[in-house]
Amino acid sequence: EKGEGKLKKIGITLIVLVFIVSISAYSKAINRGESGYSTLVVQEHKAPAEQGENIVHIVTRLILQLVLVLAAAKVGGEICERYLKQPGVLGELIAGMIIGPYVLGSRIPIPGLGTLFTAPQPGVSIPVSNELYALGQIAVIILLFMAGLETDFKQFFKYAGPATVIAIGGVVVPFVLGVLATVIFVPEVTHFAQPEALFIGATMVATSVGITARILSDIKKLDTPEGVTILAGAVVDDVLGILVLAIVVGISRGEGGVSGKEIAFITFKAVGVWIAIMGLGLLFSKQIEKLINWFKSDGASLALGLAFCFLASGIAELCGLAAIIGSYAMGLALSDRKISNKLVKSLEPVFYFLVPVFFVVMGMLVDFGSMSQDILFGVVLSILAVISKVFGCGLPSLGVGFNRRGAIRIGIGMLPRGEVALIVAGVGLANGVIPTDMFGVAVMMTMVTTLLAPIFLVPLFEKGGSGLKNKNKKEIKA
């Protein structure tokens, strides 16, 4: 026991050192003007109608927006689940497209406040208010925290290696096909290193772990080998996405690209922060459990659980990773403790209230007008987006222990691009690298892959059967 205690102290010391060095390196990078995922993708904007508004009007508009968002989410989800036999998330996404500012939202009047949603402005990639978008982001943070809590801890680390191999395939193949398609179908793009082609390739790389996690959670497949591999692969995918985006932005600025030293720094920062959050969560999971259980007041476990979730998310975001990576890491760190079941049960009402908001907001980002400017390129890119993930992730799956059934499940599970692709495309649009018609193509590709994922993934799991090559191994049911 003494030996284990010493090892634990050494482990804590090493992880804290990695964390401190990562934070320090990131702070220096900010001072030098460098950045990671977060500082590149966050494009702060303020809708003109909100400028000069007092706080009461802003809150009133948000409340009324939530009335429509929640009602539309439940109506859309009910129609899909009851009548179309499709996952509710599909209905929520479609509901967002209909009530969003590009279709009906900017035409719904509010006495004394103008319209419910402000009409989209040129050059703004996120056409909803900062308040509503922030609420959606909090929702997806909670979604990934719960996904982490419901993930089998041993399963995750068992499939972390295969997931890394799969994620690499899911980054390389889509990026190459995206760049190639842009050079072929866009006359203005004449070579593969042109920024426009590189940005389209970068949008193809993304995987929306939030959407896949919701689908897997709804059908109780988070703890299957395929489910765990998809989530682990999406985490690795996010880290690789940081590298791709950083390199593409460096090239687009005309600075001759990004040096090997800068790439190494970004890699160290991303991996170091992930290891630090995950490691500290694991080492102190017992203490966290004791602390939460010590409180006996009503709702204490919910409040404290979310506090730790948001702490990990905030640290990840400050260090250049997506906030959802931090929340998933914290959930995973606590998943092996008895407190995980208590937290999941207490979080369920919050989940059912907030999470639909995220998917409706994602639907609101779809701009049908920009999609119509280059239909042929959009259709081709959408087809390649599906093929590249199915084969890019599916083929490596066959080499790491999965059979054809499991490989297809993993390929489809990594399919939805979601908000990540829209943000990446928004960076290109805001920096003047890609024009509005190419942004519309990225939107079309995002919409197609996001809608197809639940349609194909649910039946693949409902058919049953193990996805592993070794038939003697049974799937671990959630």
Protein backbone atom coordinates (compact mmCIF):
# COMPACT_ATOMS: atom_id res chain seq x y z
CA GLU A 1 0.00 0.00 0.00
CA LYS A 2 2.90 2.35 0.83
CA GLY A 3 4.39 1.63 -2.58
CA GLU A 4 1.07 2.41 -4.25
CA GLY A 5 0.85 5.63 -2.24
CA LYS A 6 4.29 6.73 -3.45
CA LEU A 7 3.42 5.91 -7.04
CA LYS A 8 0.22 7.88 -6.73
CA LYS A 9 2.10 10.93 -5.37
CA ILE A 10 4.64 10.67 -8.19
CA GLY A 11 1.82 10.36 -10.73
CA ILE A 12 0.01 13.40 -9.32
CA THR A 13 3.22 15.42 -9.38
CA LEU A 14 4.00 14.51 -12.99
CA ILE A 15 0.47 15.26 -14.21
CA VAL A 16 0.35 18.59 -12.39
CA LEU A 17 3.72 19.49 -13.95
CA VAL A 18 2.42 18.60 -17.44
CA PHE A 19 -0.67 20.68 -16.78
CA ILE A 20 1.30 23.71 -15.54
CA VAL A 21 3.71 23.54 -18.48
CA SER A 22 0.78 23.26 -20.91
CA ILE A 23 -0.97 26.28 -19.37
CA SER A 24 2.26 28.27 -19.37
CA ALA A 25 3.01 27.37 -22.99
CA TYR A 26 -0.51 28.31 -24.03
CA SER A 27 -0.29 31.68 -22.26
CA LYS A 28 2.97 32.45 -24.05
CA ALA A 29 1.37 31.45 -27.35
CA ILE A 30 -1.47 33.90 -26.82
CA ASN A 31 1.03 36.66 -26.15
CA ARG A 32 2.80 35.79 -29.42
CA GLY A 33 -0.48 35.79 -31.32
CA GLU A 34 -0.60 32.00 -31.76
CA SER A 35 -3.71 30.02 -31.04
CA GLY A 36 -5.33 26.64 -30.92
CA TYR A 37 -8.79 25.45 -31.76
CA SER A 38 -10.81 27.79 -29.56
CA THR A 39 -9.13 31.07 -30.33
CA LEU A 40 -9.29 30.31 -34.03
CA VAL A 41 -12.91 29.29 -34.25
CA VAL A 42 -14.68 31.65 -31.90
CA GLN A 43 -15.90 34.59 -33.95
CA GLU A 44 -17.54 37.00 -31.57
CA HIS A 45 -20.43 38.86 -33.08
CA LYS A 46 -23.34 40.95 -31.91
CA ALA A 47 -26.57 41.17 -33.86
CA PRO A 48 -27.38 44.79 -34.77
CA ALA A 49 -30.85 44.55 -33.23
CA GLU A 50 -29.26 43.73 -29.89
CA GLN A 51 -26.84 46.65 -29.89
CA GLY A 52 -28.05 49.23 -27.40
CA GLU A 53 -30.79 46.97 -26.02
CA ASN A 54 -31.20 46.88 -22.28
CA ILE A 55 -30.80 43.63 -20.40
CA VAL A 56 -34.55 43.21 -19.85
CA HIS A 57 -35.23 43.18 -23.59
CA ILE A 58 -32.40 40.73 -24.22
CA VAL A 59 -33.67 38.35 -21.52
CA THR A 60 -37.27 38.70 -22.74
CA ARG A 61 -36.26 37.83 -26.29
CA LEU A 62 -34.26 34.82 -25.04
CA ILE A 63 -37.23 33.56 -23.00
CA LEU A 64 -39.56 33.82 -25.99
CA GLN A 65 -36.97 32.13 -28.21
CA LEU A 66 -36.81 29.24 -25.73
CA VAL A 67 -40.60 28.91 -25.86
CA LEU A 68 -40.44 28.29 -29.59
CA VAL A 69 -37.22 26.24 -29.46
CA LEU A 70 -38.46 23.81 -26.79
CA ALA A 71 -41.91 23.43 -28.33
CA ALA A 72 -40.51 22.88 -31.82
CA ALA A 73 -37.94 20.40 -30.50
CA LYS A 74 -40.58 18.25 -28.84
CA VAL A 75 -42.98 18.41 -31.79
CA GLY A 76 -40.21 17.50 -34.23
CA GLY A 77 -38.90 14.75 -31.97
CA GLU A 78 -42.39 13.30 -31.45
CA ILE A 79 -43.14 13.19 -35.17
CA CYS A 80 -39.84 11.45 -35.93
CA GLU A 81 -40.08 8.93 -33.10
CA ARG A 82 -43.80 8.08 -33.26
CA TYR A 83 -44.63 8.32 -36.95
CA LEU A 84 -41.35 8.12 -38.88
CA LYS A 85 -39.62 5.66 -36.51
CA GLN A 86 -36.48 7.81 -36.54
CA PRO A 87 -34.43 9.21 -33.61
CA GLY A 88 -35.82 12.36 -32.00
CA VAL A 89 -32.57 14.21 -32.68
CA LEU A 90 -33.41 14.19 -36.39
CA GLY A 91 -36.69 15.98 -35.70
CA GLU A 92 -34.93 18.52 -33.50
CA LEU A 93 -32.44 19.36 -36.23
CA ILE A 94 -35.18 19.78 -38.85
CA ALA A 95 -37.26 21.86 -36.43
CA GLY A 96 -34.28 24.20 -36.03
CA MET A 97 -33.99 24.59 -39.79
CA ILE A 98 -37.66 25.59 -40.01
CA ILE A 99 -37.90 28.02 -37.09
CA GLY A 100 -34.39 29.46 -37.54
CA PRO A 101 -33.59 32.98 -38.72
CA TYR A 102 -33.05 31.84 -42.33
CA VAL A 103 -36.66 30.64 -42.71
CA LEU A 104 -39.40 31.63 -40.22
CA GLY A 105 -37.57 33.02 -37.20
CA SER A 106 -36.73 36.45 -38.62
CA ARG A 107 -40.35 36.89 -39.72
CA ILE A 108 -42.02 36.34 -36.32
CA PRO A 109 -42.80 39.75 -34.76
CA ILE A 110 -42.57 40.56 -31.04
CA PRO A 111 -44.43 43.71 -29.94
CA GLY A 112 -41.90 46.31 -28.87
CA LEU A 113 -38.88 44.08 -29.59
CA GLY A 114 -38.84 43.68 -33.37
CA THR A 115 -38.58 40.07 -34.57
CA LEU A 116 -38.01 36.91 -32.56
CA PHE A 117 -34.72 36.20 -34.37
CA THR A 118 -32.59 38.88 -35.96
CA ALA A 119 -32.25 38.59 -39.73
CA PRO A 120 -28.84 37.05 -40.59
CA GLN A 121 -26.12 39.55 -41.45
CA PRO A 122 -23.49 39.10 -44.21
CA GLY A 123 -20.28 37.53 -42.97
CA VAL A 124 -21.82 36.18 -39.75
CA SER A 125 -21.49 32.39 -39.60
CA ILE A 126 -23.52 31.97 -36.39
CA PRO A 127 -26.80 33.79 -37.04
CA VAL A 128 -28.38 33.36 -33.59
CA SER A 129 -27.92 35.53 -30.52
CA ASN A 130 -24.86 35.01 -28.34
CA GLU A 131 -27.15 34.11 -25.43
CA LEU A 132 -29.01 31.33 -27.25
CA TYR A 133 -25.84 29.96 -28.80
CA ALA A 134 -24.14 29.91 -25.38
CA LEU A 135 -27.11 28.02 -23.92
CA GLY A 136 -26.76 25.44 -26.69
CA GLN A 137 -23.06 25.07 -25.92
CA ILE A 138 -23.81 24.50 -22.22
CA ALA A 139 -26.28 21.84 -23.32
CA VAL A 140 -23.71 19.93 -25.37
CA ILE A 141 -21.20 20.17 -22.50
CA ILE A 142 -23.75 18.44 -20.26
CA LEU A 143 -24.50 15.90 -23.00
CA LEU A 144 -20.83 14.89 -23.22
CA PHE A 145 -20.48 14.84 -19.43
CA MET A 146 -23.33 12.34 -19.25
CA ALA A 147 -21.85 10.38 -22.14
CA GLY A 148 -18.61 10.12 -20.16
CA LEU A 149 -20.45 9.00 -17.02
CA GLU A 150 -22.28 6.28 -18.98
CA THR A 151 -19.13 5.04 -20.75
CA ASP A 152 -17.51 1.86 -19.48
CA PHE A 153 -14.13 3.04 -18.17
CA LYS A 154 -12.24 -0.18 -18.92
CA GLN A 155 -13.85 -0.42 -22.35
CA PHE A 156 -12.71 3.09 -23.22
CA PHE A 157 -9.04 2.42 -22.52
CA LYS A 158 -9.26 -0.98 -24.11
CA TYR A 159 -10.34 0.61 -27.40
CA ALA A 160 -8.31 3.87 -27.11
CA GLY A 161 -5.53 2.45 -29.33
CA PRO A 162 -7.84 1.24 -32.11
CA ALA A 163 -9.78 4.52 -31.87
CA THR A 164 -6.59 6.49 -32.55
CA VAL A 165 -5.87 4.46 -35.68
CA ILE A 166 -9.46 4.93 -36.84
CA ALA A 167 -9.39 8.68 -36.13
CA ILE A 168 -6.24 9.14 -38.24
CA GLY A 169 -7.95 7.45 -41.17
CA GLY A 170 -11.02 9.61 -40.56
CA VAL A 171 -8.90 12.76 -40.83
CA VAL A 172 -6.54 11.98 -43.71
CA VAL A 173 -9.05 10.54 -46.22
CA PRO A 174 -11.72 13.28 -45.86
CA PHE A 175 -9.11 16.05 -45.99
CA VAL A 176 -7.51 14.71 -49.18
CA LEU A 177 -10.87 14.16 -50.92
CA GLY A 178 -12.12 17.60 -49.85
CA VAL A 179 -9.04 19.34 -51.26
CA LEU A 180 -9.18 17.27 -54.46
CA ALA A 181 -12.88 18.00 -55.05
CA THR A 182 -12.33 21.74 -54.57
CA VAL A 183 -9.52 21.82 -57.13
CA ILE A 184 -11.65 19.91 -59.65
CA PHE A 185 -14.98 21.72 -59.24
CA VAL A 186 -13.98 25.30 -58.39
CA PRO A 187 -12.39 27.07 -61.40
CA GLU A 188 -10.70 29.73 -59.25
CA VAL A 189 -8.80 27.06 -57.30
CA THR A 190 -5.91 25.79 -59.42
CA HIS A 191 -3.62 23.97 -57.00
CA PHE A 192 -3.88 21.80 -53.90
CA ALA A 193 -2.09 24.20 -51.53
CA GLN A 194 -4.50 27.07 -52.25
CA PRO A 195 -6.20 28.25 -49.00
CA GLU A 196 -9.73 27.75 -50.35
CA ALA A 197 -9.06 24.07 -51.02
CA LEU A 198 -7.36 23.59 -47.66
CA PHE A 199 -10.29 25.14 -45.76
CA ILE A 200 -12.84 22.90 -47.50
CA GLY A 201 -10.61 19.94 -46.66
CA ALA A 202 -10.53 21.08 -43.02
CA THR A 203 -14.34 21.19 -42.82
CA MET A 204 -14.45 17.58 -44.06
CA VAL A 205 -12.20 16.44 -41.19
CA ALA A 206 -14.56 17.39 -38.38
CA THR A 207 -16.69 14.94 -36.40
CA SER A 208 -19.52 16.18 -34.17
CA VAL A 209 -19.17 13.96 -31.12
CA GLY A 210 -22.21 15.64 -29.58
CA ILE A 211 -24.59 14.39 -32.26
CA THR A 212 -23.22 10.84 -32.26
CA ALA A 213 -23.20 10.71 -28.46
CA ARG A 214 -26.88 11.68 -28.42
CA ILE A 215 -27.78 8.97 -30.95
CA LEU A 216 -25.84 6.29 -29.07
CA SER A 217 -27.31 7.41 -25.76
CA ASP A 218 -30.87 7.29 -27.11
CA ILE A 219 -30.46 3.68 -28.30
CA LYS A 220 -28.43 2.62 -25.21
CA LYS A 221 -25.30 1.73 -27.17
CA LEU A 222 -22.71 3.97 -25.53
CA ASP A 223 -21.01 1.00 -23.86
CA THR A 224 -20.72 -1.26 -26.88
CA PRO A 225 -17.25 -1.71 -28.37
CA GLU A 226 -18.32 0.33 -31.38
CA GLY A 227 -19.90 3.06 -29.24
CA VAL A 228 -16.84 3.44 -27.04
CA THR A 229 -14.54 3.42 -30.08
CA ILE A 230 -16.60 6.11 -31.84
CA LEU A 231 -16.47 8.44 -28.82
CA ALA A 232 -12.76 7.82 -28.21
CA GLY A 233 -12.08 8.31 -31.91
CA ALA A 234 -14.02 11.58 -31.89
CA VAL A 235 -11.86 12.86 -29.02
CA VAL A 236 -8.68 12.04 -30.97
CA ASP A 237 -10.33 13.52 -34.06
CA ASP A 238 -10.79 16.81 -32.23
CA VAL A 239 -7.09 16.96 -31.30
CA LEU A 240 -6.09 16.20 -34.90
CA GLY A 241 -8.59 18.80 -36.07
CA ILE A 242 -6.74 21.40 -34.00
CA LEU A 243 -3.54 20.62 -35.89
CA VAL A 244 -5.21 20.70 -39.31
CA LEU A 245 -7.00 23.98 -38.65
CA ALA A 246 -3.91 25.66 -37.20
CA ILE A 247 -1.82 24.66 -40.22
CA VAL A 248 -4.47 25.77 -42.72
CA VAL A 249 -4.92 29.16 -41.02
CA GLY A 250 -1.15 29.67 -40.97
CA ILE A 251 -0.95 28.99 -44.69
CA SER A 252 -3.98 31.18 -45.48
CA ARG A 253 -2.32 34.15 -43.77
CA GLY A 254 0.45 34.01 -46.35
CA GLU A 255 3.09 33.31 -43.75
CA GLY A 256 4.57 30.39 -45.65
CA GLY A 257 2.74 27.83 -43.60
CA VAL A 258 3.35 26.64 -40.05
CA SER A 259 6.75 25.50 -38.84
CA GLY A 260 7.44 22.07 -37.42
CA LYS A 261 8.16 23.69 -34.07
CA GLU A 262 4.71 25.29 -34.01
CA ILE A 263 3.02 22.01 -34.96
CA ALA A 264 4.93 20.24 -32.18
CA PHE A 265 3.86 22.93 -29.72
CA ILE A 266 0.18 22.65 -30.67
CA THR A 267 0.36 18.85 -30.41
CA PHE A 268 2.05 18.99 -27.01
CA LYS A 269 -0.46 21.51 -25.74
CA ALA A 270 -3.52 19.54 -26.90
CA VAL A 271 -2.28 16.15 -25.69
CA GLY A 272 -0.82 17.59 -22.48
CA VAL A 273 -4.05 19.30 -21.47
CA TRP A 274 -6.09 16.18 -22.26
CA ILE A 275 -3.77 14.00 -20.19
CA ALA A 276 -3.78 16.51 -17.34
CA ILE A 277 -7.59 16.81 -17.14
CA MET A 278 -8.11 13.08 -17.52
CA GLY A 279 -5.28 12.16 -15.13
CA LEU A 280 -6.25 14.60 -12.40
CA GLY A 281 -9.88 13.50 -12.68
CA LEU A 282 -8.87 9.86 -12.26
CA LEU A 283 -6.47 10.48 -9.39
CA PHE A 284 -8.93 12.59 -7.44
CA SER A 285 -12.13 10.76 -8.43
CA LYS A 286 -12.37 9.14 -5.00
CA GLN A 287 -12.04 12.51 -3.26
CA ILE A 288 -14.56 14.07 -5.63
CA GLU A 289 -17.00 11.26 -4.86
CA LYS A 290 -16.55 11.71 -1.11
CA LEU A 291 -17.03 15.47 -1.41
CA ILE A 292 -20.26 15.14 -3.37
CA ASN A 293 -21.62 12.47 -1.02
CA TRP A 294 -20.76 14.60 2.04
CA PHE A 295 -23.44 17.13 1.08
CA LYS A 296 -26.94 16.03 2.08
CA SER A 297 -28.98 19.02 0.92
CA ASP A 298 -31.41 18.60 -1.98
CA GLY A 299 -29.82 18.96 -5.38
CA ALA A 300 -26.25 19.04 -4.04
CA SER A 301 -25.03 16.16 -6.20
CA LEU A 302 -26.46 17.82 -9.31
CA ALA A 303 -24.92 21.21 -8.56
CA LEU A 304 -21.50 19.88 -7.58
CA GLY A 305 -21.39 17.38 -10.43
CA LEU A 306 -22.06 20.19 -12.91
CA ALA A 307 -19.49 22.38 -11.15
CA PHE A 308 -16.76 19.79 -11.76
CA CYS A 309 -18.03 19.30 -15.32
CA PHE A 310 -17.87 23.03 -16.07
CA LEU A 311 -14.47 23.34 -14.40
CA ALA A 312 -12.98 20.70 -16.70
CA SER A 313 -14.74 22.28 -19.71
CA GLY A 314 -13.46 25.74 -18.88
CA ILE A 315 -9.88 24.52 -18.46
CA ALA A 316 -10.04 22.69 -21.79
CA GLU A 317 -11.41 25.76 -23.56
CA LEU A 318 -8.82 28.08 -22.01
CA CYS A 319 -6.08 25.72 -23.17
CA GLY A 320 -7.23 25.59 -26.78
CA LEU A 321 -9.30 22.39 -26.73
CA ALA A 322 -13.06 22.22 -27.23
CA ALA A 323 -14.99 22.51 -23.95
CA ILE A 324 -16.79 19.23 -24.64
CA ILE A 325 -13.47 17.37 -24.48
CA GLY A 326 -13.02 18.53 -20.89
CA SER A 327 -16.56 17.60 -19.86
CA TYR A 328 -16.26 14.16 -21.44
CA ALA A 329 -12.92 13.59 -19.69
CA MET A 330 -14.41 14.51 -16.30
CA GLY A 331 -17.43 12.24 -16.88
CA LEU A 332 -15.17 9.39 -17.93
CA ALA A 333 -12.95 9.89 -14.86
CA LEU A 334 -15.98 9.50 -12.59
CA SER A 335 -17.62 6.69 -14.59
CA ASP A 336 -15.87 3.97 -12.56
CA ARG A 337 -17.25 5.33 -9.27
CA LYS A 338 -20.61 4.58 -7.69
CA ILE A 339 -21.40 8.28 -7.77
CA SER A 340 -21.75 8.06 -11.56
CA ASN A 341 -25.19 6.42 -11.35
CA LYS A 342 -26.35 9.06 -8.88
CA LEU A 343 -25.12 11.86 -11.12
CA VAL A 344 -26.73 10.41 -14.24
CA LYS A 345 -30.08 10.10 -12.45
CA SER A 346 -29.94 13.67 -11.10
CA LEU A 347 -28.84 15.06 -14.49
CA GLU A 348 -31.64 13.46 -16.52
CA PRO A 349 -34.19 16.30 -16.07
CA VAL A 350 -31.54 18.85 -17.06
CA PHE A 351 -30.59 16.67 -20.03
CA TYR A 352 -34.15 16.48 -21.36
CA PHE A 353 -34.60 20.23 -20.93
CA LEU A 354 -31.33 21.59 -22.32
CA VAL A 355 -29.93 19.10 -24.83
CA PRO A 356 -32.72 19.56 -27.42
CA VAL A 357 -31.81 23.27 -27.42
CA PHE A 358 -28.37 22.41 -28.79
CA PHE A 359 -29.73 20.40 -31.70
CA VAL A 360 -32.38 22.97 -32.59
CA VAL A 361 -29.69 25.68 -32.59
CA MET A 362 -27.55 23.48 -34.88
CA GLY A 363 -30.47 23.29 -37.28
CA MET A 364 -30.81 27.08 -37.16
CA LEU A 365 -27.30 27.47 -38.58
CA VAL A 366 -28.34 25.96 -41.92
CA ASP A 367 -28.54 28.66 -44.61
CA PHE A 368 -30.58 27.29 -47.52
CA GLY A 369 -29.89 30.39 -49.63
CA SER A 370 -26.12 29.98 -49.59
CA MET A 371 -26.50 26.26 -50.31
CA SER A 372 -28.23 26.94 -53.63
CA GLN A 373 -25.32 28.87 -55.16
CA ASP A 374 -23.29 25.83 -56.19
CA ILE A 375 -25.51 22.76 -56.04
CA LEU A 376 -23.28 20.44 -58.09
CA PHE A 377 -20.18 21.02 -55.97
CA GLY A 378 -22.31 20.70 -52.81
CA VAL A 379 -23.76 17.36 -53.90
CA VAL A 380 -20.34 15.99 -54.86
CA LEU A 381 -18.76 17.16 -51.61
CA SER A 382 -21.62 15.68 -49.57
CA ILE A 383 -21.20 12.29 -51.27
CA LEU A 384 -17.44 12.40 -50.70
CA ALA A 385 -18.02 13.39 -47.08
CA VAL A 386 -20.03 10.21 -46.53
CA ILE A 387 -17.64 7.96 -48.45
CA SER A 388 -14.52 9.41 -46.82
CA LYS A 389 -15.70 8.75 -43.26
CA VAL A 390 -17.25 5.35 -43.95
CA PHE A 391 -14.10 4.10 -45.66
CA GLY A 392 -11.57 6.30 -43.87
CA CYS A 393 -12.77 5.06 -40.48
CA GLY A 394 -14.30 1.76 -41.54
CA LEU A 395 -11.28 0.21 -43.27
CA PRO A 396 -8.89 0.83 -40.33
CA SER A 397 -11.56 -0.70 -38.07
CA LEU A 398 -11.20 -4.00 -39.92
CA GLY A 399 -7.53 -4.04 -39.01
CA VAL A 400 -7.99 -3.43 -35.29
CA GLY A 401 -10.41 -6.20 -34.34
CA PHE A 402 -13.79 -5.26 -35.80
CA ASN A 403 -15.73 -7.20 -38.41
CA ARG A 404 -17.56 -5.65 -41.36
CA ARG A 405 -20.68 -4.97 -39.28
CA GLY A 406 -18.68 -3.15 -36.63
CA ALA A 407 -16.64 -1.24 -39.21
CA ILE A 408 -19.77 0.12 -40.91
CA ARG A 409 -21.22 1.17 -37.55
CA ILE A 410 -18.03 3.03 -36.69
CA GLY A 411 -17.81 4.67 -40.12
CA ILE A 412 -21.41 5.94 -39.91
CA GLY A 413 -20.92 6.94 -36.27
CA MET A 414 -18.05 9.23 -37.28
CA LEU A 415 -20.11 10.70 -40.14
CA PRO A 416 -21.91 13.79 -38.73
CA ARG A 417 -19.92 17.02 -39.10
CA GLY A 418 -22.36 19.18 -37.14
CA GLU A 419 -21.38 22.46 -35.54
CA VAL A 420 -17.64 21.77 -35.82
CA ALA A 421 -17.62 21.95 -39.62
CA LEU A 422 -19.76 25.10 -39.58
CA ILE A 423 -17.35 26.79 -37.19
CA VAL A 424 -14.33 25.85 -39.30
CA ALA A 425 -16.06 27.12 -42.45
CA GLY A 426 -17.02 30.26 -40.53
CA VAL A 427 -13.35 30.92 -39.78
CA GLY A 428 -12.61 30.78 -43.51
CA LEU A 429 -15.54 33.07 -44.34
CA ALA A 430 -14.70 35.60 -41.61
CA ASN A 431 -11.07 35.75 -42.74
CA GLY A 432 -12.06 36.24 -46.38
CA VAL A 433 -10.46 32.96 -47.45
CA ILE A 434 -13.60 31.32 -48.83
CA PRO A 435 -16.50 33.15 -50.55
CA THR A 436 -20.16 32.81 -49.53
CA ASP A 437 -20.91 30.18 -52.19
CA MET A 438 -18.16 27.89 -50.86
CA PHE A 439 -19.43 28.48 -47.34
CA GLY A 440 -22.85 27.37 -48.60
CA VAL A 441 -21.31 24.18 -49.97
CA ALA A 442 -19.82 23.47 -46.54
CA VAL A 443 -23.25 24.07 -44.99
CA MET A 444 -24.86 21.61 -47.41
CA MET A 445 -22.26 18.95 -46.64
CA THR A 446 -22.76 19.49 -42.92
CA MET A 447 -26.53 19.23 -43.18
CA VAL A 448 -26.44 16.05 -45.28
CA THR A 449 -23.97 14.20 -43.05
CA THR A 450 -25.71 15.30 -39.86
CA LEU A 451 -29.13 14.14 -41.06
CA LEU A 452 -27.90 10.85 -42.54
CA ALA A 453 -26.06 9.69 -39.41
CA PRO A 454 -29.11 8.84 -37.25
CA ILE A 455 -31.04 7.45 -40.24
CA PHE A 456 -28.36 4.83 -40.92
CA LEU A 457 -26.78 4.31 -37.49
CA VAL A 458 -29.91 3.30 -35.58
CA PRO A 459 -30.91 0.41 -37.93
CA LEU A 460 -27.31 -0.83 -37.97
CA PHE A 461 -27.44 -1.33 -34.21
CA GLU A 462 -31.04 -2.53 -34.12
CA LYS A 463 -30.18 -5.44 -36.42
CA GLY A 464 -28.04 -6.77 -33.59
CA GLY A 465 -24.98 -8.96 -33.79
CA SER A 466 -21.46 -8.44 -32.53
CA GLY A 467 -19.23 -5.99 -34.33
CA LEU A 468 -16.08 -7.82 -33.25
CA LYS A 469 -14.17 -10.35 -35.32
CA ASN A 470 -13.92 -12.70 -32.35
CA LYS A 471 -17.46 -14.08 -32.27
CA ASN A 472 -16.99 -15.53 -28.81
CA LYS A 473 -16.92 -12.00 -27.40
CA LYS A 474 -20.33 -10.60 -26.67
CA GLU A 475 -21.26 -6.99 -26.93
CA ILE A 476 -21.35 -5.20 -23.60
CA LYS A 477 -24.77 -3.70 -23.36
CA ALA A 478 -25.32 -0.33 -21.83
